Amino acid sequence: MDKIKFISIEQLLEMMENKEQFKLVEVLSPESYKEGHIPSAINLPFDKVKELAPKHLKKTDTIVVYCANYHCQASTKATKTLLEMGYTKAVDFKAGKQGWENVGLELEK
């Protein structure tokens, strides 16, 4: 299995600014997603990643996975699951929603 790679807020913003093609995936509950998510993110709840990933993601996609914050393990576990499923370009944005908001960026509702 590939090693898990973590990306920083700067790397995520750089990808967005350069209009790179990638899928941003929040792995928190649908309720949490509705309360606010990083713009352009889709919601694949952690417990449904195996079931939903094939419907929403291609194996060739660059996938950035996030959850609530550095303490939340859902994004790391989901990234590991995606790598095991053959999604070779899945990375973990460990700072998550809290990190996004901490630098003054807005969540989308």
PDB file of N, CA and C in Angstrom:
ATOM      1  N   MET A   1       0.836  -1.194   0.000  1.00  0.00           N
ATOM      2  CA  MET A   1       0.000   0.000   0.000  1.00  0.00           C
ATOM      3  C   MET A   1       0.874   1.248   0.000  1.00  0.00           C
ATOM      4  N   ASP A   2       0.393   2.279  -0.687  1.00  0.00           N
ATOM      5  CA  ASP A   2       1.099   3.551  -0.687  1.00  0.00           C
ATOM      6  C   ASP A   2       1.073   4.160   0.704  1.00  0.00           C
ATOM      7  N   LYS A   3       2.090   4.966   0.990  1.00  0.00           N
ATOM      8  CA  LYS A   3       2.120   5.688   2.265  1.00  0.00           C
ATOM      9  C   LYS A   3       1.141   6.843   2.202  1.00  0.00           C
ATOM     10  N   ILE A   4       0.587   7.185   3.366  1.00  0.00           N
ATOM     11  CA  ILE A   4      -0.330   8.320   3.434  1.00  0.00           C
ATOM     12  C   ILE A   4       0.480   9.610   3.346  1.00  0.00           C
ATOM     13  N   LYS A   5       0.012  10.517   2.499  1.00  0.00           N
ATOM     14  CA  LYS A   5       0.642  11.824   2.377  1.00  0.00           C
ATOM     15  C   LYS A   5      -0.296  12.862   2.969  1.00  0.00           C
ATOM     16  N   PHE A   6       0.286  13.790   3.727  1.00  0.00           N
ATOM     17  CA  PHE A   6      -0.474  14.895   4.301  1.00  0.00           C
ATOM     18  C   PHE A   6      -0.160  16.154   3.511  1.00  0.00           C
ATOM     19  N   ILE A   7      -1.173  16.992   3.312  1.00  0.00           N
ATOM     20  CA  ILE A   7      -0.912  18.275   2.668  1.00  0.00           C
ATOM     21  C   ILE A   7      -1.309  19.401   3.616  1.00  0.00           C
ATOM     22  N   SER A   8      -0.643  20.534   3.454  1.00  0.00           N
ATOM     23  CA  SER A   8      -0.888  21.699   4.303  1.00  0.00           C
ATOM     24  C   SER A   8      -1.968  22.584   3.682  1.00  0.00           C
ATOM     25  N   ILE A   9      -2.418  23.550   4.451  1.00  0.00           N
ATOM     26  CA  ILE A   9      -3.390  24.521   3.944  1.00  0.00           C
ATOM     27  C   ILE A   9      -2.795  25.249   2.740  1.00  0.00           C
ATOM     28  N   GLU A  10      -1.496  25.566   2.799  1.00  0.00           N
ATOM     29  CA  GLU A  10      -0.859  26.269   1.680  1.00  0.00           C
ATOM     30  C   GLU A  10      -0.892  25.422   0.413  1.00  0.00           C
ATOM     31  N   GLN A  11      -0.629  24.131   0.554  1.00  0.00           N
ATOM     32  CA  GLN A  11      -0.663  23.245  -0.616  1.00  0.00           C
ATOM     33  C   GLN A  11      -2.068  23.162  -1.199  1.00  0.00           C
ATOM     34  N   LEU A  12      -3.083  23.087  -0.326  1.00  0.00           N
ATOM     35  CA  LEU A  12      -4.462  23.028  -0.794  1.00  0.00           C
ATOM     36  C   LEU A  12      -4.837  24.327  -1.517  1.00  0.00           C
ATOM     37  N   LEU A  13      -4.478  25.462  -0.928  1.00  0.00           N
ATOM     38  CA  LEU A  13      -4.784  26.749  -1.553  1.00  0.00           C
ATOM     39  C   LEU A  13      -4.059  26.902  -2.892  1.00  0.00           C
ATOM     40  N   GLU A  14      -2.837  26.412  -2.955  1.00  0.00           N
ATOM     41  CA  GLU A  14      -2.071  26.451  -4.208  1.00  0.00           C
ATOM     42  C   GLU A  14      -2.769  25.631  -5.292  1.00  0.00           C
ATOM     43  N   MET A  15      -3.242  24.459  -4.926  1.00  0.00           N
ATOM     44  CA  MET A  15      -3.972  23.615  -5.879  1.00  0.00           C
ATOM     45  C   MET A  15      -5.218  24.338  -6.389  1.00  0.00           C
ATOM     46  N   MET A  16      -5.936  25.009  -5.466  1.00  0.00           N
ATOM     47  CA  MET A  16      -7.151  25.740  -5.850  1.00  0.00           C
ATOM     48  C   MET A  16      -6.811  26.930  -6.749  1.00  0.00           C
ATOM     49  N   GLU A  17      -5.806  27.689  -6.352  1.00  0.00           N
ATOM     50  CA  GLU A  17      -5.408  28.888  -7.096  1.00  0.00           C
ATOM     51  C   GLU A  17      -4.969  28.536  -8.515  1.00  0.00           C
ATOM     52  N   ASN A  18      -4.257  27.418  -8.650  1.00  0.00           N
ATOM     53  CA  ASN A  18      -3.772  26.985  -9.962  1.00  0.00           C
ATOM     54  C   ASN A  18      -4.819  26.203 -10.747  1.00  0.00           C
ATOM     55  N   LYS A  19      -6.033  26.140 -10.181  1.00  0.00           N
ATOM     56  CA  LYS A  19      -7.156  25.436 -10.803  1.00  0.00           C
ATOM     57  C   LYS A  19      -6.793  23.996 -11.202  1.00  0.00           C
ATOM     58  N   GLU A  20      -6.048  23.352 -10.319  1.00  0.00           N
ATOM     59  CA  GLU A  20      -5.712  21.946 -10.549  1.00  0.00           C
ATOM     60  C   GLU A  20      -6.989  21.122 -10.429  1.00  0.00           C
ATOM     61  N   GLN A  21      -7.028  20.033 -11.164  1.00  0.00           N
ATOM     62  CA  GLN A  21      -8.185  19.145 -11.123  1.00  0.00           C
ATOM     63  C   GLN A  21      -8.025  18.186  -9.945  1.00  0.00           C
ATOM     64  N   PHE A  22      -8.921  18.290  -8.978  1.00  0.00           N
ATOM     65  CA  PHE A  22      -8.915  17.352  -7.859  1.00  0.00           C
ATOM     66  C   PHE A  22     -10.292  17.320  -7.222  1.00  0.00           C
ATOM     67  N   LYS A  23     -10.541  16.258  -6.483  1.00  0.00           N
ATOM     68  CA  LYS A  23     -11.806  16.114  -5.756  1.00  0.00           C
ATOM     69  C   LYS A  23     -11.519  16.369  -4.288  1.00  0.00           C
ATOM     70  N   LEU A  24     -12.300  17.248  -3.693  1.00  0.00           N
ATOM     71  CA  LEU A  24     -12.190  17.559  -2.280  1.00  0.00           C
ATOM     72  C   LEU A  24     -13.306  16.796  -1.561  1.00  0.00           C
ATOM     73  N   VAL A  25     -12.939  15.968  -0.607  1.00  0.00           N
ATOM     74  CA  VAL A  25     -13.905  15.065   0.025  1.00  0.00           C
ATOM     75  C   VAL A  25     -13.943  15.265   1.538  1.00  0.00           C
ATOM     76  N   GLU A  26     -15.116  15.643   2.052  1.00  0.00           N
ATOM     77  CA  GLU A  26     -15.322  15.706   3.502  1.00  0.00           C
ATOM     78  C   GLU A  26     -15.889  14.370   3.953  1.00  0.00           C
ATOM     79  N   VAL A  27     -15.257  13.787   4.985  1.00  0.00           N
ATOM     80  CA  VAL A  27     -15.690  12.458   5.442  1.00  0.00           C
ATOM     81  C   VAL A  27     -16.457  12.510   6.765  1.00  0.00           C
ATOM     82  N   LEU A  28     -16.949  13.694   7.122  1.00  0.00           N
ATOM     83  CA  LEU A  28     -17.789  13.820   8.315  1.00  0.00           C
ATOM     84  C   LEU A  28     -19.237  13.487   7.966  1.00  0.00           C
ATOM     85  N   SER A  29     -20.102  13.529   8.950  1.00  0.00           N
ATOM     86  CA  SER A  29     -21.514  13.176   8.746  1.00  0.00           C
ATOM     87  C   SER A  29     -22.202  14.179   7.816  1.00  0.00           C
ATOM     88  N   PRO A  30     -23.305  13.758   7.170  1.00  0.00           N
ATOM     89  CA  PRO A  30     -24.068  14.689   6.325  1.00  0.00           C
ATOM     90  C   PRO A  30     -24.519  15.929   7.108  1.00  0.00           C
ATOM     91  N   GLU A  31     -24.829  15.766   8.392  1.00  0.00           N
ATOM     92  CA  GLU A  31     -25.255  16.903   9.216  1.00  0.00           C
ATOM     93  C   GLU A  31     -24.119  17.921   9.353  1.00  0.00           C
ATOM     94  N   SER A  32     -22.940  17.414   9.623  1.00  0.00           N
ATOM     95  CA  SER A  32     -21.769  18.282   9.771  1.00  0.00           C
ATOM     96  C   SER A  32     -21.454  18.981   8.444  1.00  0.00           C
ATOM     97  N   TYR A  33     -21.572  18.241   7.358  1.00  0.00           N
ATOM     98  CA  TYR A  33     -21.333  18.801   6.020  1.00  0.00           C
ATOM     99  C   TYR A  33     -22.297  19.957   5.740  1.00  0.00           C
ATOM    100  N   LYS A  34     -23.582  19.760   6.092  1.00  0.00           N
ATOM    101  CA  LYS A  34     -24.595  20.799   5.852  1.00  0.00           C
ATOM    102  C   LYS A  34     -24.354  22.047   6.688  1.00  0.00           C
ATOM    103  N   GLU A  35     -23.757  21.870   7.872  1.00  0.00           N
ATOM    104  CA  GLU A  35     -23.465  23.012   8.743  1.00  0.00           C
ATOM    105  C   GLU A  35     -22.388  23.915   8.144  1.00  0.00           C
ATOM    106  N   GLY A  36     -21.587  23.368   7.252  1.00  0.00           N
ATOM    107  CA  GLY A  36     -20.541  24.134   6.595  1.00  0.00           C
ATOM    108  C   GLY A  36     -19.415  23.236   6.140  1.00  0.00           C
ATOM    109  N   HIS A  37     -18.940  23.459   4.922  1.00  0.00           N
ATOM    110  CA  HIS A  37     -17.861  22.652   4.368  1.00  0.00           C
ATOM    111  C   HIS A  37     -16.945  23.543   3.526  1.00  0.00           C
ATOM    112  N   ILE A  38     -15.771  23.045   3.237  1.00  0.00           N
ATOM    113  CA  ILE A  38     -14.839  23.785   2.391  1.00  0.00           C
ATOM    114  C   ILE A  38     -15.466  23.865   0.993  1.00  0.00           C
ATOM    115  N   PRO A  39     -15.446  25.062   0.375  1.00  0.00           N
ATOM    116  CA  PRO A  39     -16.078  25.221  -0.944  1.00  0.00           C
ATOM    117  C   PRO A  39     -15.622  24.152  -1.947  1.00  0.00           C
ATOM    118  N   SER A  40     -16.573  23.650  -2.688  1.00  0.00           N
ATOM    119  CA  SER A  40     -16.433  22.621  -3.739  1.00  0.00           C
ATOM    120  C   SER A  40     -16.279  21.196  -3.204  1.00  0.00           C
ATOM    121  N   ALA A  41     -16.316  21.025  -1.890  1.00  0.00           N
ATOM    122  CA  ALA A  41     -16.184  19.676  -1.326  1.00  0.00           C
ATOM    123  C   ALA A  41     -17.452  18.861  -1.552  1.00  0.00           C
ATOM    124  N   ILE A  42     -17.253  17.553  -1.712  1.00  0.00           N
ATOM    125  CA  ILE A  42     -18.373  16.619  -1.734  1.00  0.00           C
ATOM    126  C   ILE A  42     -18.346  15.858  -0.405  1.00  0.00           C
ATOM    127  N   ASN A  43     -19.455  15.271  -0.037  1.00  0.00           N
ATOM    128  CA  ASN A  43     -19.555  14.571   1.244  1.00  0.00           C
ATOM    129  C   ASN A  43     -19.637  13.072   1.028  1.00  0.00           C
ATOM    130  N   LEU A  44     -18.613  12.364   1.505  1.00  0.00           N
ATOM    131  CA  LEU A  44     -18.625  10.898   1.538  1.00  0.00           C
ATOM    132  C   LEU A  44     -18.379  10.528   3.004  1.00  0.00           C
ATOM    133  N   PRO A  45     -19.434  10.331   3.795  1.00  0.00           N
ATOM    134  CA  PRO A  45     -19.235  10.008   5.207  1.00  0.00           C
ATOM    135  C   PRO A  45     -18.279   8.829   5.377  1.00  0.00           C
ATOM    136  N   PHE A  46     -17.423   8.938   6.384  1.00  0.00           N
ATOM    137  CA  PHE A  46     -16.374   7.949   6.606  1.00  0.00           C
ATOM    138  C   PHE A  46     -16.886   6.505   6.548  1.00  0.00           C
ATOM    139  N   ASP A  47     -18.016   6.248   7.190  1.00  0.00           N
ATOM    140  CA  ASP A  47     -18.524   4.871   7.249  1.00  0.00           C
ATOM    141  C   ASP A  47     -19.103   4.388   5.920  1.00  0.00           C
ATOM    142  N   LYS A  48     -19.159   5.284   4.918  1.00  0.00           N
ATOM    143  CA  LYS A  48     -19.693   4.887   3.612  1.00  0.00           C
ATOM    144  C   LYS A  48     -18.684   5.071   2.476  1.00  0.00           C
ATOM    145  N   VAL A  49     -17.435   5.329   2.823  1.00  0.00           N
ATOM    146  CA  VAL A  49     -16.417   5.585   1.797  1.00  0.00           C
ATOM    147  C   VAL A  49     -16.306   4.416   0.814  1.00  0.00           C
ATOM    148  N   LYS A  50     -16.224   3.197   1.328  1.00  0.00           N
ATOM    149  CA  LYS A  50     -16.073   2.028   0.443  1.00  0.00           C
ATOM    150  C   LYS A  50     -17.245   1.911  -0.523  1.00  0.00           C
ATOM    151  N   GLU A  51     -18.426   2.209  -0.033  1.00  0.00           N
ATOM    152  CA  GLU A  51     -19.647   2.081  -0.831  1.00  0.00           C
ATOM    153  C   GLU A  51     -19.787   3.236  -1.840  1.00  0.00           C
ATOM    154  N   LEU A  52     -19.494   4.470  -1.407  1.00  0.00           N
ATOM    155  CA  LEU A  52     -19.759   5.643  -2.239  1.00  0.00           C
ATOM    156  C   LEU A  52     -18.610   6.054  -3.162  1.00  0.00           C
ATOM    157  N   ALA A  53     -17.382   5.756  -2.780  1.00  0.00           N
ATOM    158  CA  ALA A  53     -16.229   6.200  -3.583  1.00  0.00           C
ATOM    159  C   ALA A  53     -16.337   5.794  -5.056  1.00  0.00           C
ATOM    160  N   PRO A  54     -16.676   4.529  -5.367  1.00  0.00           N
ATOM    161  CA  PRO A  54     -16.749   4.159  -6.790  1.00  0.00           C
ATOM    162  C   PRO A  54     -17.797   4.945  -7.581  1.00  0.00           C
ATOM    163  N   LYS A  55     -18.816   5.461  -6.896  1.00  0.00           N
ATOM    164  CA  LYS A  55     -19.867   6.226  -7.581  1.00  0.00           C
ATOM    165  C   LYS A  55     -19.451   7.668  -7.854  1.00  0.00           C
ATOM    166  N   HIS A  56     -18.530   8.202  -7.045  1.00  0.00           N
ATOM    167  CA  HIS A  56     -18.194   9.626  -7.119  1.00  0.00           C
ATOM    168  C   HIS A  56     -16.758   9.922  -7.532  1.00  0.00           C
ATOM    169  N   LEU A  57     -15.894   8.925  -7.450  1.00  0.00           N
ATOM    170  CA  LEU A  57     -14.468   9.157  -7.695  1.00  0.00           C
ATOM    171  C   LEU A  57     -13.924   8.170  -8.720  1.00  0.00           C
ATOM    172  N   LYS A  58     -12.989   8.651  -9.529  1.00  0.00           N
ATOM    173  CA  LYS A  58     -12.285   7.767 -10.463  1.00  0.00           C
ATOM    174  C   LYS A  58     -10.949   7.387  -9.822  1.00  0.00           C
ATOM    175  N   LYS A  59     -10.446   6.213 -10.166  1.00  0.00           N
ATOM    176  CA  LYS A  59      -9.169   5.750  -9.603  1.00  0.00           C
ATOM    177  C   LYS A  59      -8.032   6.703  -9.970  1.00  0.00           C
ATOM    178  N   THR A  60      -8.194   7.452 -11.052  1.00  0.00           N
ATOM    179  CA  THR A  60      -7.145   8.368 -11.508  1.00  0.00           C
ATOM    180  C   THR A  60      -7.261   9.766 -10.912  1.00  0.00           C
ATOM    181  N   ASP A  61      -8.354  10.053 -10.189  1.00  0.00           N
ATOM    182  CA  ASP A  61      -8.546  11.380  -9.600  1.00  0.00           C
ATOM    183  C   ASP A  61      -7.500  11.675  -8.523  1.00  0.00           C
ATOM    184  N   THR A  62      -7.124  12.939  -8.436  1.00  0.00           N
ATOM    185  CA  THR A  62      -6.394  13.409  -7.259  1.00  0.00           C
ATOM    186  C   THR A  62      -7.480  13.721  -6.230  1.00  0.00           C
ATOM    187  N   ILE A  63      -7.361  13.132  -5.057  1.00  0.00           N
ATOM    188  CA  ILE A  63      -8.402  13.243  -4.034  1.00  0.00           C
ATOM    189  C   ILE A  63      -7.798  13.828  -2.758  1.00  0.00           C
ATOM    190  N   VAL A  64      -8.390  14.921  -2.280  1.00  0.00           N
ATOM    191  CA  VAL A  64      -7.970  15.540  -1.018  1.00  0.00           C
ATOM    192  C   VAL A  64      -9.073  15.266   0.002  1.00  0.00           C
ATOM    193  N   VAL A  65      -8.726  14.533   1.043  1.00  0.00           N
ATOM    194  CA  VAL A  65      -9.684  14.112   2.061  1.00  0.00           C
ATOM    195  C   VAL A  65      -9.484  14.960   3.320  1.00  0.00           C
ATOM    196  N   TYR A  66     -10.584  15.401   3.929  1.00  0.00           N
ATOM    197  CA  TYR A  66     -10.461  16.128   5.195  1.00  0.00           C
ATOM    198  C   TYR A  66     -11.612  15.783   6.123  1.00  0.00           C
ATOM    199  N   CYS A  67     -11.403  16.111   7.422  1.00  0.00           N
ATOM    200  CA  CYS A  67     -12.473  15.962   8.410  1.00  0.00           C
ATOM    201  C   CYS A  67     -12.501  17.226   9.271  1.00  0.00           C
ATOM    202  N   ALA A  68     -12.633  17.094  10.588  1.00  0.00           N
ATOM    203  CA  ALA A  68     -12.860  18.265  11.436  1.00  0.00           C
ATOM    204  C   ALA A  68     -11.593  19.056  11.757  1.00  0.00           C
ATOM    205  N   ASN A  69     -10.534  18.358  12.200  1.00  0.00           N
ATOM    206  CA  ASN A  69      -9.328  19.038  12.675  1.00  0.00           C
ATOM    207  C   ASN A  69      -8.203  18.026  12.836  1.00  0.00           C
ATOM    208  N   TYR A  70      -7.075  18.494  13.370  1.00  0.00           N
ATOM    209  CA  TYR A  70      -5.914  17.603  13.540  1.00  0.00           C
ATOM    210  C   TYR A  70      -6.210  16.413  14.446  1.00  0.00           C
ATOM    211  N   HIS A  71      -7.120  16.566  15.398  1.00  0.00           N
ATOM    212  CA  HIS A  71      -7.416  15.482  16.349  1.00  0.00           C
ATOM    213  C   HIS A  71      -8.317  14.405  15.742  1.00  0.00           C
ATOM    214  N   CYS A  72      -9.050  14.768  14.722  1.00  0.00           N
ATOM    215  CA  CYS A  72      -9.987  13.841  14.076  1.00  0.00           C
ATOM    216  C   CYS A  72      -9.202  12.845  13.218  1.00  0.00           C
ATOM    217  N   GLN A  73      -9.498  11.574  13.363  1.00  0.00           N
ATOM    218  CA  GLN A  73      -8.785  10.533  12.618  1.00  0.00           C
ATOM    219  C   GLN A  73      -9.523  10.061  11.367  1.00  0.00           C
ATOM    220  N   ALA A  74     -10.736  10.554  11.147  1.00  0.00           N
ATOM    221  CA  ALA A  74     -11.550  10.060  10.034  1.00  0.00           C
ATOM    222  C   ALA A  74     -10.884  10.275   8.683  1.00  0.00           C
ATOM    223  N   SER A  75     -10.251  11.430   8.471  1.00  0.00           N
ATOM    224  CA  SER A  75      -9.649  11.688   7.154  1.00  0.00           C
ATOM    225  C   SER A  75      -8.460  10.760   6.903  1.00  0.00           C
ATOM    226  N   THR A  76      -7.678  10.503   7.935  1.00  0.00           N
ATOM    227  CA  THR A  76      -6.519   9.619   7.774  1.00  0.00           C
ATOM    228  C   THR A  76      -6.986   8.192   7.480  1.00  0.00           C
ATOM    229  N   LYS A  77      -8.000   7.735   8.217  1.00  0.00           N
ATOM    230  CA  LYS A  77      -8.533   6.385   7.986  1.00  0.00           C
ATOM    231  C   LYS A  77      -9.174   6.283   6.602  1.00  0.00           C
ATOM    232  N   ALA A  78      -9.903   7.325   6.194  1.00  0.00           N
ATOM    233  CA  ALA A  78     -10.548   7.307   4.874  1.00  0.00           C
ATOM    234  C   ALA A  78      -9.503   7.332   3.755  1.00  0.00           C
ATOM    235  N   THR A  79      -8.442   8.120   3.938  1.00  0.00           N
ATOM    236  CA  THR A  79      -7.365   8.165   2.938  1.00  0.00           C
ATOM    237  C   THR A  79      -6.733   6.786   2.804  1.00  0.00           C
ATOM    238  N   LYS A  80      -6.489   6.140   3.941  1.00  0.00           N
ATOM    239  CA  LYS A  80      -5.911   4.786   3.940  1.00  0.00           C
ATOM    240  C   LYS A  80      -6.842   3.815   3.203  1.00  0.00           C
ATOM    241  N   THR A  81      -8.126   3.905   3.472  1.00  0.00           N
ATOM    242  CA  THR A  81      -9.119   3.054   2.802  1.00  0.00           C
ATOM    243  C   THR A  81      -9.084   3.283   1.290  1.00  0.00           C
ATOM    244  N   LEU A  82      -9.075   4.542   0.874  1.00  0.00           N
ATOM    245  CA  LEU A  82      -9.042   4.857  -0.565  1.00  0.00           C
ATOM    246  C   LEU A  82      -7.775   4.299  -1.216  1.00  0.00           C
ATOM    247  N   LEU A  83      -6.628   4.451  -0.555  1.00  0.00           N
ATOM    248  CA  LEU A  83      -5.381   3.911  -1.098  1.00  0.00           C
ATOM    249  C   LEU A  83      -5.478   2.390  -1.241  1.00  0.00           C
ATOM    250  N   GLU A  84      -6.056   1.744  -0.235  1.00  0.00           N
ATOM    251  CA  GLU A  84      -6.229   0.285  -0.285  1.00  0.00           C
ATOM    252  C   GLU A  84      -7.160  -0.127  -1.420  1.00  0.00           C
ATOM    253  N   MET A  85      -8.112   0.753  -1.756  1.00  0.00           N
ATOM    254  CA  MET A  85      -9.063   0.466  -2.845  1.00  0.00           C
ATOM    255  C   MET A  85      -8.469   0.749  -4.228  1.00  0.00           C
ATOM    256  N   GLY A  86      -7.257   1.289  -4.260  1.00  0.00           N
ATOM    257  CA  GLY A  86      -6.608   1.535  -5.548  1.00  0.00           C
ATOM    258  C   GLY A  86      -6.643   2.978  -6.027  1.00  0.00           C
ATOM    259  N   TYR A  87      -7.102   3.899  -5.167  1.00  0.00           N
ATOM    260  CA  TYR A  87      -7.056   5.325  -5.503  1.00  0.00           C
ATOM    261  C   TYR A  87      -5.661   5.819  -5.120  1.00  0.00           C
ATOM    262  N   THR A  88      -4.769   5.874  -6.096  1.00  0.00           N
ATOM    263  CA  THR A  88      -3.353   6.093  -5.802  1.00  0.00           C
ATOM    264  C   THR A  88      -2.998   7.542  -5.483  1.00  0.00           C
ATOM    265  N   LYS A  89      -3.909   8.477  -5.798  1.00  0.00           N
ATOM    266  CA  LYS A  89      -3.590   9.891  -5.577  1.00  0.00           C
ATOM    267  C   LYS A  89      -4.485  10.512  -4.503  1.00  0.00           C
ATOM    268  N   ALA A  90      -4.718   9.764  -3.420  1.00  0.00           N
ATOM    269  CA  ALA A  90      -5.496  10.282  -2.292  1.00  0.00           C
ATOM    270  C   ALA A  90      -4.537  10.836  -1.241  1.00  0.00           C
ATOM    271  N   VAL A  91      -4.810  12.061  -0.778  1.00  0.00           N
ATOM    272  CA  VAL A  91      -3.989  12.690   0.258  1.00  0.00           C
ATOM    273  C   VAL A  91      -4.890  13.215   1.372  1.00  0.00           C
ATOM    274  N   ASP A  92      -4.305  13.424   2.531  1.00  0.00           N
ATOM    275  CA  ASP A  92      -5.040  13.834   3.721  1.00  0.00           C
ATOM    276  C   ASP A  92      -4.729  15.300   4.049  1.00  0.00           C
ATOM    277  N   PHE A  93      -5.770  16.150   4.020  1.00  0.00           N
ATOM    278  CA  PHE A  93      -5.639  17.534   4.491  1.00  0.00           C
ATOM    279  C   PHE A  93      -5.983  17.505   5.969  1.00  0.00           C
ATOM    280  N   LYS A  94      -4.975  17.296   6.793  1.00  0.00           N
ATOM    281  CA  LYS A  94      -5.143  16.991   8.208  1.00  0.00           C
ATOM    282  C   LYS A  94      -5.756  18.140   9.015  1.00  0.00           C
ATOM    283  N   ALA A  95      -5.490  19.389   8.631  1.00  0.00           N
ATOM    284  CA  ALA A  95      -6.012  20.534   9.395  1.00  0.00           C
ATOM    285  C   ALA A  95      -7.533  20.592   9.352  1.00  0.00           C
ATOM    286  N   GLY A  96      -8.119  20.108   8.257  1.00  0.00           N
ATOM    287  CA  GLY A  96      -9.567  20.003   8.145  1.00  0.00           C
ATOM    288  C   GLY A  96     -10.296  21.336   8.205  1.00  0.00           C
ATOM    289  N   LYS A  97     -11.575  21.245   8.544  1.00  0.00           N
ATOM    290  CA  LYS A  97     -12.429  22.433   8.585  1.00  0.00           C
ATOM    291  C   LYS A  97     -11.907  23.476   9.568  1.00  0.00           C
ATOM    292  N   GLN A  98     -11.445  23.020  10.724  1.00  0.00           N
ATOM    293  CA  GLN A  98     -10.967  23.964  11.732  1.00  0.00           C
ATOM    294  C   GLN A  98      -9.750  24.730  11.201  1.00  0.00           C
ATOM    295  N   GLY A  99      -8.841  24.041  10.537  1.00  0.00           N
ATOM    296  CA  GLY A  99      -7.664  24.691   9.973  1.00  0.00           C
ATOM    297  C   GLY A  99      -8.036  25.700   8.896  1.00  0.00           C
ATOM    298  N   TRP A 100      -9.030  25.348   8.098  1.00  0.00           N
ATOM    299  CA  TRP A 100      -9.535  26.235   7.043  1.00  0.00           C
ATOM    300  C   TRP A 100     -10.067  27.537   7.667  1.00  0.00           C
ATOM    301  N   GLU A 101     -10.888  27.377   8.704  1.00  0.00           N
ATOM    302  CA  GLU A 101     -11.469  28.545   9.373  1.00  0.00           C
ATOM    303  C   GLU A 101     -10.430  29.345  10.167  1.00  0.00           C
ATOM    304  N   ASN A 102      -9.441  28.652  10.728  1.00  0.00           N
ATOM    305  CA  ASN A 102      -8.415  29.318  11.544  1.00  0.00           C
ATOM    306  C   ASN A 102      -7.602  30.340  10.750  1.00  0.00           C
ATOM    307  N   VAL A 103      -7.495  30.158   9.438  1.00  0.00           N
ATOM    308  CA  VAL A 103      -6.757  31.133   8.622  1.00  0.00           C
ATOM    309  C   VAL A 103      -7.694  32.156   8.005  1.00  0.00           C
ATOM    310  N   GLY A 104      -8.953  32.161   8.481  1.00  0.00           N
ATOM    311  CA  GLY A 104      -9.892  33.206   8.067  1.00  0.00           C
ATOM    312  C   GLY A 104     -10.663  32.911   6.795  1.00  0.00           C
ATOM    313  N   LEU A 105     -10.674  31.653   6.367  1.00  0.00           N
ATOM    314  CA  LEU A 105     -11.418  31.296   5.151  1.00  0.00           C
ATOM    315  C   LEU A 105     -12.830  30.853   5.517  1.00  0.00           C
ATOM    316  N   GLU A 106     -13.751  31.124   4.622  1.00  0.00           N
ATOM    317  CA  GLU A 106     -15.171  30.851   4.865  1.00  0.00           C
ATOM    318  C   GLU A 106     -15.537  29.414   4.492  1.00  0.00           C
ATOM    319  N   LEU A 107     -16.473  28.873   5.230  1.00  0.00           N
ATOM    320  CA  LEU A 107     -17.067  27.591   4.859  1.00  0.00           C
ATOM    321  C   LEU A 107     -18.296  27.884   4.000  1.00  0.00           C
ATOM    322  N   GLU A 108     -18.623  26.954   3.137  1.00  0.00           N
ATOM    323  CA  GLU A 108     -19.791  27.075   2.270  1.00  0.00           C
ATOM    324  C   GLU A 108     -20.941  26.319   2.933  1.00  0.00           C
ATOM    325  N   LYS A 109     -22.165  26.864   2.815  1.00  0.00           N
ATOM    326  CA  LYS A 109     -23.325  26.178   3.415  1.00  0.00           C
ATOM    327  C   LYS A 109     -24.359  25.889   2.366  1.00  0.00           C
TER     328      LYS A 109
END
